[in-house]
Protein backbone atom coordinates (compact mmCIF):
# COMPACT_ATOMS: atom_id res chain seq x y z
CA MET A 1 62.39 -104.91 92.60
CA SER A 2 60.49 -104.61 95.89
CA THR A 3 62.23 -102.75 98.71
CA ARG A 4 59.66 -103.84 101.30
CA LEU A 5 61.23 -105.51 104.31
CA SER A 6 60.38 -109.14 104.93
CA PRO A 7 58.13 -109.93 107.94
CA ASN A 8 61.17 -111.34 109.78
CA ALA A 9 63.14 -108.15 109.16
CA ARG A 10 60.23 -105.94 110.25
CA ARG A 11 59.83 -107.97 113.44
CA THR A 12 63.54 -107.61 114.18
CA VAL A 13 63.36 -103.84 113.67
CA ARG A 14 60.30 -103.60 115.96
CA ARG A 15 62.12 -105.55 118.67
CA VAL A 16 65.50 -103.77 118.40
CA ALA A 17 64.51 -100.12 117.79
CA PRO A 18 63.06 -99.63 121.33
CA PHE A 19 66.53 -100.42 122.76
CA GLY A 20 67.94 -97.47 120.84
CA VAL A 21 65.11 -95.21 121.99
CA ILE A 22 65.61 -96.28 125.62
CA TRP A 23 69.35 -95.56 125.52
CA LEU A 24 68.73 -92.19 123.88
CA LEU A 25 66.10 -91.22 126.47
CA VAL A 26 68.25 -92.29 129.44
CA ASP A 27 71.16 -90.30 127.99
CA HIS A 28 68.96 -87.21 127.81
CA VAL A 29 67.59 -87.76 131.32
CA PHE A 30 71.15 -87.80 132.70
CA SER A 31 72.02 -84.71 130.66
CA VAL A 32 69.01 -82.81 132.03
CA SER A 33 69.88 -83.97 135.56
CA ASN A 34 73.44 -82.71 135.09
CA TYR A 35 72.10 -79.37 133.85
CA ALA A 36 69.81 -79.08 136.87
CA ALA A 37 72.73 -79.86 139.22
CA VAL A 38 75.51 -77.71 137.75
CA GLY A 39 73.75 -75.45 135.27
CA SER A 40 75.44 -77.02 132.24
CA LEU A 41 74.91 -79.98 129.93
CA SER A 42 78.67 -80.57 129.95
CA ALA A 43 80.72 -82.17 132.68
CA ASP A 44 82.63 -79.63 134.79
CA SER A 45 86.01 -81.38 134.61
CA HIS A 46 88.97 -81.83 132.29
CA GLU A 47 88.08 -85.46 131.68
CA GLY A 48 84.49 -84.71 130.71
CA ILE A 49 83.51 -83.85 127.12
CA GLN A 50 82.36 -80.26 126.61
CA LEU A 51 79.26 -80.37 124.44
CA ASP A 52 78.72 -78.30 121.34
CA ALA A 53 76.14 -78.88 118.60
CA GLY A 54 78.30 -81.35 116.69
CA ILE A 55 79.28 -83.41 119.72
CA TYR A 56 75.67 -83.38 120.97
CA VAL A 57 74.43 -84.85 117.67
CA PHE A 58 77.26 -87.42 117.70
CA ALA A 59 76.49 -88.39 121.31
CA SER A 60 72.77 -88.78 120.55
CA LEU A 61 73.39 -90.91 117.47
CA ALA A 62 75.97 -92.98 119.36
CA SER A 63 73.53 -93.61 122.22
CA PHE A 64 70.84 -94.76 119.81
CA ALA A 65 73.27 -96.94 117.85
CA VAL A 66 74.75 -98.56 120.97
CA GLY A 67 71.23 -99.25 122.27
CA CYS A 68 70.27 -100.92 119.00
CA LEU A 69 73.49 -102.94 119.09
CA VAL A 70 72.68 -104.09 122.62
CA GLY A 71 69.22 -105.08 121.36
CA VAL A 72 70.68 -107.15 118.52
CA VAL A 73 73.18 -108.87 120.82
CA GLU A 74 70.60 -109.54 123.55
CA LEU A 75 67.69 -110.73 121.41
CA LEU A 76 69.48 -112.54 118.62
CA PHE A 77 72.51 -114.00 120.39
CA LEU A 78 72.59 -113.94 124.20
CA ASN A 79 68.99 -115.08 124.67
CA ARG A 80 69.74 -118.15 122.58
CA ALA A 81 73.16 -118.76 124.12
CA PHE A 82 71.77 -118.73 127.69
CA ALA A 83 68.33 -120.24 126.96
CA ALA A 84 69.12 -123.53 128.67
CA ARG A 85 71.20 -122.04 131.52
CA SER A 86 70.14 -121.52 135.11
CA LEU A 87 69.20 -118.03 136.28
CA GLY A 88 72.49 -117.71 138.19
CA ALA A 89 74.60 -118.75 135.20
CA LYS A 90 72.61 -116.39 133.00
CA LEU A 91 73.16 -113.42 135.33
CA VAL A 92 76.89 -114.05 135.73
CA GLY A 93 77.45 -114.76 132.04
CA LYS A 94 75.54 -111.72 130.81
CA THR A 95 77.15 -109.45 133.41
CA LEU A 96 80.67 -110.46 132.36
CA PHE A 97 79.78 -110.08 128.70
CA TYR A 98 78.26 -106.61 129.06
CA VAL A 99 81.12 -105.33 131.24
CA ALA A 100 83.57 -106.30 128.49
CA PHE A 101 81.29 -105.14 125.68
CA LEU A 102 80.53 -101.72 127.16
CA THR A 103 84.17 -101.17 128.11
CA VAL A 104 85.03 -101.58 124.44
CA VAL A 105 82.22 -99.15 123.51
CA VAL A 106 83.61 -96.48 125.86
CA VAL A 107 87.18 -97.02 124.66
CA VAL A 108 85.98 -96.53 121.07
CA LEU A 109 83.56 -93.61 121.51
CA TYR A 110 85.35 -91.47 124.10
CA PRO A 111 88.45 -90.81 121.95
CA ILE A 112 86.24 -89.87 118.99
CA ALA A 113 84.29 -87.35 121.06
CA ALA A 114 87.50 -86.00 122.66
CA ALA A 115 89.11 -85.56 119.25
CA MET A 116 86.02 -83.70 118.00
CA GLU A 117 86.11 -81.38 121.02
CA MET A 118 89.86 -80.71 120.62
CA GLY A 119 89.62 -80.27 116.87
CA THR A 120 92.28 -82.89 116.24
CA GLY A 121 92.60 -86.47 115.05
CA LEU A 122 92.74 -89.83 116.78
CA ALA A 123 96.50 -89.99 116.19
CA ASP A 124 97.01 -87.07 118.57
CA ALA A 125 98.64 -88.38 121.79
CA ARG A 126 96.64 -85.86 123.84
CA VAL A 127 93.42 -87.73 122.98
CA TRP A 128 94.74 -90.95 124.49
CA ASP A 129 96.16 -89.12 127.49
CA ARG A 130 92.64 -87.83 128.16
CA LEU A 131 91.24 -91.36 127.82
CA GLY A 132 93.72 -92.54 130.47
CA ALA A 133 92.79 -89.69 132.79
CA PHE A 134 89.09 -90.37 132.18
CA ALA A 135 89.47 -94.05 133.11
CA VAL A 136 90.58 -93.20 136.67
CA SER A 137 88.33 -90.17 137.21
CA MET A 138 84.93 -89.68 138.85
CA GLU A 139 83.63 -88.86 135.38
CA SER A 140 84.13 -92.49 134.34
CA LEU A 141 82.12 -93.60 137.39
CA SER A 142 79.29 -91.27 136.38
CA THR A 143 79.41 -92.66 132.83
CA GLY A 144 79.33 -96.19 134.23
CA VAL A 145 76.21 -95.40 136.26
CA GLN A 146 74.54 -93.93 133.17
CA ILE A 147 75.42 -96.95 131.02
CA THR A 148 74.25 -99.34 133.74
CA ALA A 149 70.93 -97.50 134.00
CA SER A 150 70.46 -97.68 130.22
CA LEU A 151 71.32 -101.38 130.22
CA VAL A 152 69.02 -102.27 133.13
CA VAL A 153 66.04 -100.39 131.67
CA SER A 154 66.52 -101.87 128.19
CA LEU A 155 66.94 -105.44 129.51
CA PHE A 156 63.86 -105.02 131.69
CA TYR A 157 61.97 -103.88 128.60
CA ALA A 158 63.29 -106.93 126.73
CA GLU A 159 62.00 -109.34 129.39
CA ILE A 160 58.54 -107.75 129.46
CA SER A 161 58.40 -107.53 125.67
CA GLU A 162 59.40 -111.16 125.16
CA HIS A 163 56.71 -112.33 127.59
CA LEU A 164 53.89 -110.10 126.32
CA GLY A 165 54.98 -109.71 122.70
CA ALA A 166 56.30 -106.46 121.24
CA ARG A 167 52.98 -105.45 119.68
CA VAL A 168 50.96 -106.18 122.81
CA LEU A 169 53.41 -104.20 124.96
CA THR A 170 53.26 -101.30 122.49
CA ASN A 171 49.46 -101.37 122.63
CA PHE A 172 49.59 -101.30 126.45
CA LEU A 173 52.06 -98.41 126.53
CA THR A 174 50.16 -96.34 123.96
CA GLY A 175 46.78 -97.11 125.53
CA ARG A 176 45.39 -98.17 122.16
CA TYR A 177 42.81 -100.51 123.68
CA HIS A 178 42.23 -98.73 126.97
CA THR A 179 38.81 -97.96 125.52
CA PRO A 180 37.35 -101.05 123.81
CA LYS A 181 37.39 -100.88 120.02
CA ARG A 182 35.47 -102.80 117.41
CA GLU A 183 37.55 -104.17 114.55
CA ARG A 184 37.67 -107.00 112.05
CA ARG A 185 40.29 -109.68 112.51
CA VAL A 186 41.32 -113.01 111.03
CA PHE A 187 41.81 -115.86 113.50
CA LEU A 188 43.63 -119.16 113.15
CA PHE A 189 43.06 -121.90 115.73
CA SER A 190 45.42 -124.87 115.47
CA ASP A 191 45.50 -128.03 117.56
CA MET A 192 48.04 -130.84 117.72
CA LYS A 193 46.86 -134.21 116.44
CA SER A 194 46.80 -137.10 118.91
CA SER A 195 48.13 -134.93 121.73
CA THR A 196 46.59 -137.10 124.46
CA ALA A 197 48.26 -140.24 123.11
CA ILE A 198 51.58 -138.42 122.78
CA THR A 199 51.35 -137.19 126.38
CA GLU A 200 50.72 -140.70 127.65
CA ARG A 201 53.61 -142.03 125.61
CA LEU A 202 56.17 -139.39 126.62
CA GLY A 203 55.08 -138.57 130.16
CA HIS A 204 54.35 -135.04 131.35
CA ALA A 205 57.94 -133.83 131.84
CA ARG A 206 59.14 -135.07 128.46
CA TYR A 207 55.94 -133.88 126.79
CA PHE A 208 56.66 -130.36 128.03
CA GLU A 209 59.99 -130.39 126.16
CA PHE A 210 58.18 -131.83 123.15
CA LEU A 211 55.60 -129.03 123.31
CA ARG A 212 58.33 -126.40 123.55
CA ALA A 213 60.01 -127.80 120.43
CA TYR A 214 56.61 -127.97 118.71
CA TYR A 215 55.96 -124.27 119.26
CA ASP A 216 59.53 -123.39 118.24
CA ALA A 217 58.94 -125.19 114.95
CA LEU A 218 55.79 -123.14 114.31
CA ALA A 219 57.26 -119.74 115.20
CA ASP A 220 58.89 -118.90 111.87
CA ALA A 221 55.71 -119.61 109.92
CA VAL A 222 53.75 -117.21 112.14
CA VAL A 223 56.38 -114.47 111.77
CA ARG A 224 56.74 -114.90 107.99
CA HIS A 225 53.00 -114.50 107.56
CA GLU A 226 52.77 -111.46 109.86
CA GLY A 227 50.68 -113.20 112.51
CA GLU A 228 50.36 -112.26 116.17
CA VAL A 229 50.20 -115.05 118.73
CA TYR A 230 47.11 -114.34 120.82
CA GLN A 231 47.22 -117.36 123.12
CA TYR A 232 48.94 -120.65 123.80
CA ILE A 233 46.41 -123.04 125.34
CA GLY A 234 48.03 -126.39 126.05
CA ASP A 235 48.87 -127.77 122.61
CA GLU A 236 46.64 -125.20 120.88
CA ILE A 237 47.89 -121.93 119.44
CA VAL A 238 45.65 -119.02 118.48
CA VAL A 239 47.07 -116.61 115.88
CA SER A 240 45.41 -113.35 114.88
CA TRP A 241 45.73 -110.64 112.23
CA PRO A 242 44.00 -107.33 111.58
CA GLU A 243 41.76 -108.32 108.67
CA GLU A 244 43.74 -106.36 106.08
CA ALA A 245 46.97 -108.16 107.06
CA GLY A 246 45.28 -111.55 107.28
CA LEU A 247 43.79 -111.18 103.80
CA ARG A 248 46.95 -109.79 102.21
CA ASP A 249 48.60 -112.61 100.27
CA ALA A 250 46.10 -114.90 102.03
CA ASN A 251 48.35 -114.75 105.10
CA GLY A 252 45.84 -116.47 107.38
CA VAL A 253 45.52 -119.57 105.19
CA ARG A 254 49.17 -119.59 104.12
CA CYS A 255 50.23 -119.46 107.76
CA ALA A 256 48.26 -122.61 108.54
CA LEU A 257 49.81 -124.39 105.55
CA ALA A 258 53.31 -123.19 106.45
CA MET A 259 52.88 -124.35 110.05
CA ARG A 260 51.92 -127.81 108.83
CA ALA A 261 54.82 -127.83 106.35
CA ALA A 262 57.28 -126.77 109.08
CA LEU A 263 56.27 -129.70 111.29
CA ARG A 264 56.58 -132.15 108.43
CA ALA A 265 59.99 -130.74 107.48
CA ARG A 266 61.21 -131.41 111.05
CA ALA A 267 59.47 -134.77 111.40
CA GLY A 268 62.78 -136.65 111.24
CA TRP A 269 64.27 -134.55 114.04
CA PHE A 270 61.20 -135.07 116.24
CA GLU A 271 61.34 -138.82 115.58
CA ARG A 272 65.01 -138.94 116.64
CA GLU A 273 64.54 -136.77 119.72
CA PHE A 274 61.14 -137.94 120.99
CA GLY A 275 60.23 -141.03 118.98
CA VAL A 276 57.12 -139.34 117.58
CA ALA A 277 56.48 -136.50 115.09
CA PRO A 278 53.66 -133.97 115.65
CA ASP A 279 51.10 -132.80 113.12
CA LEU A 280 48.26 -130.31 113.39
CA ARG A 281 44.78 -129.35 112.31
CA ALA A 282 43.72 -125.73 111.83
CA GLY A 283 40.60 -123.64 111.29
CA VAL A 284 40.69 -120.11 109.87
CA GLN A 285 37.89 -117.52 109.82
CA THR A 286 37.37 -113.75 109.85
CA GLY A 287 34.84 -111.55 111.62
CA ASP A 288 34.10 -108.71 114.01
CA VAL A 289 35.58 -108.54 117.50
CA THR A 290 35.64 -106.07 120.35
CA THR A 291 39.21 -105.53 121.54
CA GLY A 292 40.15 -104.01 124.87
CA GLU A 293 42.10 -104.24 128.12
CA ILE A 294 40.43 -106.38 130.75
CA GLY A 295 41.27 -107.85 134.15
CA ALA A 296 41.37 -106.80 137.80
CA LEU A 297 44.41 -108.67 139.14
CA LYS A 298 46.17 -109.00 135.80
CA LYS A 299 45.63 -106.88 132.68
CA GLU A 300 45.37 -108.47 129.26
CA ILE A 301 44.30 -107.31 125.83
CA VAL A 302 41.34 -109.54 125.01
CA PHE A 303 39.29 -110.20 121.88
CA THR A 304 35.59 -111.01 122.25
CA GLY A 305 33.22 -111.91 119.45
CA ASP A 306 31.43 -114.77 117.75
CA VAL A 307 34.30 -115.26 115.29
CA LEU A 308 36.47 -116.79 118.03
CA ASN A 309 33.81 -119.37 118.86
CA GLN A 310 33.26 -120.02 115.16
CA THR A 311 36.95 -120.54 114.44
CA ALA A 312 37.36 -122.90 117.41
CA ARG A 313 34.34 -124.94 116.22
CA ILE A 314 35.67 -124.97 112.64
CA GLN A 315 38.99 -126.34 113.85
CA ALA A 316 37.18 -129.00 115.87
CA LEU A 317 35.46 -130.21 112.68
CA CYS A 318 38.79 -130.99 110.99
CA LYS A 319 38.96 -134.42 112.61
CA PRO A 320 35.45 -135.71 111.79
CA LEU A 321 35.71 -134.30 108.25
CA GLY A 322 39.18 -135.80 107.73
CA GLU A 323 40.81 -132.47 106.84
CA ASP A 324 43.95 -130.71 108.07
CA VAL A 325 42.92 -127.11 107.30
CA LEU A 326 39.37 -125.72 107.09
CA VAL A 327 38.42 -122.19 106.04
CA GLY A 328 35.17 -120.49 107.04
CA ASP A 329 32.77 -118.94 104.52
CA ALA A 330 33.36 -115.31 105.55
CA LEU A 331 37.11 -115.64 104.94
CA ALA A 332 36.78 -117.69 101.75
CA ALA A 333 34.61 -114.98 100.21
CA ARG A 334 37.22 -112.28 100.92
CA LEU A 335 40.41 -113.99 99.74
CA GLU A 336 42.14 -112.55 96.71
CA GLU A 337 43.67 -114.54 93.89
CA THR A 338 46.69 -116.69 94.59
CA ASP A 339 48.27 -119.78 93.07
CA GLY A 340 49.47 -123.03 94.53
CA TRP A 341 46.44 -124.29 96.43
CA THR A 342 42.70 -124.61 96.01
CA LEU A 343 39.63 -124.44 98.21
CA ARG A 344 37.26 -127.39 98.08
CA PRO A 345 33.76 -127.16 99.59
CA VAL A 346 32.96 -129.70 102.26
CA GLY A 347 29.35 -128.57 102.66
CA ASP A 348 27.36 -126.47 105.09
CA GLN A 349 28.12 -127.51 108.65
CA VAL A 350 26.20 -126.74 111.82
CA LEU A 351 28.76 -125.63 114.38
CA ARG A 352 28.32 -126.76 117.96
CA GLY A 353 26.15 -124.30 119.86
CA LYS A 354 25.01 -122.57 116.66
CA GLU A 355 21.76 -122.79 114.72
CA ARG A 356 22.72 -121.36 111.34
CA PRO A 357 25.00 -123.60 109.25
CA VAL A 358 28.33 -122.28 107.97
CA ALA A 359 29.83 -123.23 104.61
CA LEU A 360 33.32 -124.67 105.07
CA PHE A 361 36.15 -125.21 102.62
CA ALA A 362 39.12 -127.55 102.80
CA VAL A 363 42.51 -126.45 101.50
CA ASP A 364 44.20 -128.69 98.94
CA VAL A 365 47.90 -128.17 98.24
CA PRO A 366 50.05 -129.84 95.58
CA GLU A 367 52.54 -132.22 97.18
CA ALA A 368 55.49 -130.03 96.13
CA GLU A 369 53.92 -126.90 97.63
CA GLY A 370 53.44 -127.73 101.27
CA ASP A 371 53.28 -124.11 102.38
CA GLY A 372 50.92 -122.91 99.67
CA GLY A 373 53.63 -121.34 97.54
CA PRO A 374 53.07 -120.46 93.87
CA ALA A 375 52.27 -123.38 91.58
CA PRO A 376 49.96 -123.71 88.57
CA HIS A 377 46.58 -125.28 89.08
CA SER A 378 43.88 -126.27 86.64
CA ALA A 379 40.82 -127.02 88.77
CA GLU A 380 37.54 -125.82 87.31
CA PRO A 381 35.12 -123.65 89.29
CA VAL A 382 32.18 -125.63 90.61
CA THR A 383 28.64 -124.72 89.51
CA TRP A 384 25.19 -125.83 90.59
CA GLY A 385 22.84 -126.19 87.60
CA GLY A 386 24.64 -123.52 85.60
CA ALA A 387 24.36 -120.92 88.37
CA PRO A 388 27.27 -119.64 90.42
CA PRO A 389 27.58 -121.30 93.81
CA PRO A 390 27.35 -119.51 97.16
CA HIS A 391 30.52 -117.50 97.88
CA ALA A 392 31.15 -117.35 94.13
CA ALA A 393 34.03 -114.94 94.51
CA ALA A 394 36.05 -117.43 96.50
CA ALA A 395 34.91 -120.33 94.30
CA THR A 396 35.97 -118.66 91.07
CA THR A 397 39.22 -117.28 92.37
CA PHE A 398 40.57 -120.49 93.85
CA GLY A 399 39.03 -123.03 91.48
CA ILE A 400 36.91 -124.68 94.15
CA ARG A 401 36.32 -128.33 93.34
CA GLU A 402 33.29 -130.37 94.18
CA ASP A 403 35.07 -133.63 94.85
CA VAL A 404 35.17 -134.44 98.54
CA ARG A 405 38.23 -136.34 99.71
CA ALA A 406 37.46 -139.47 101.69
CA GLY A 407 39.40 -140.44 104.75
CA SER A 408 39.71 -139.84 108.44
CA SER A 409 42.35 -138.23 110.57
CA SER A 410 44.53 -140.11 112.92
């Protein structure tokens, strides 16, 4: 039985763990400041907890745990609860919640630490007498300032992280791409079908809400297949993977199929809410890029390389070729064996602005396997005059078929 965390669980851990680290660091900054001021890590009062090794470890673990708990509450509950509220309502609501929440945290943790210091149990009346004295002392004010600082820093981190993305923010903070690096990445470009007609039908204001719901519907598919959103460009989304992650379990192709399946699963809801259901086309390819920080007035981590142009052109060919998902030759040749869907050659295509043609492959999925999940298939590998075709590895692995589906996209 595999103990590997799911992509959703790993993303949650990556988003929540920094809250714990921030609370732990702020706690230590206040402790060092206290030491510099009074020559001791402990508070110089009856109400304050005198630190020893055991209490120090408990306090550190408690700070980390409370920070992680704040992260869970903020990211998984409060953000959703206040998503549609005004800024004023959000500030007031969150402030009231955190005052109550952190009061409970102090009421729970202070007696435990006091009991540890006194070498007694929580049933000892002296512990609760100390809690009462602490509540009306200057020590409680100092604790409140420390907790407020931890909360403000962690919530500021949350806002920046949610706007940039946790991985992008981590790359900025660690300086990973301060010096440009060459790497191989898989890219997925997807575009909404008939977006112009939908905009005209809904109007710009209503279309914006439609677009927001559209991207919300796609989010889980991207997370489950370990993708990183590189850009939102109007109704187009660009998803990227380091090549190893994009090839693993055919994540790049499966993500495109899962995105399409997610939209079709919510088609009824879109019809009820907006009177129209969205669909998409996608192109997927792999290649070399140079990755680095760029910008004078605003810094971004940017990918440059021919693979981005190729993938955009591949996606643009979906409509004239009547296909929903097209895979480029470089990616098709690198995919490992999987069940549930097949690649079908649609011929060598000259991409706009390019001279050398690129072999493209459409993705065929059994009706019951809309996201490319496991299912038996029996397609025979295609051959040309008894010889293996170009990109034979991909052809043999996926049972590439020579029949070309007729039809045109809407």
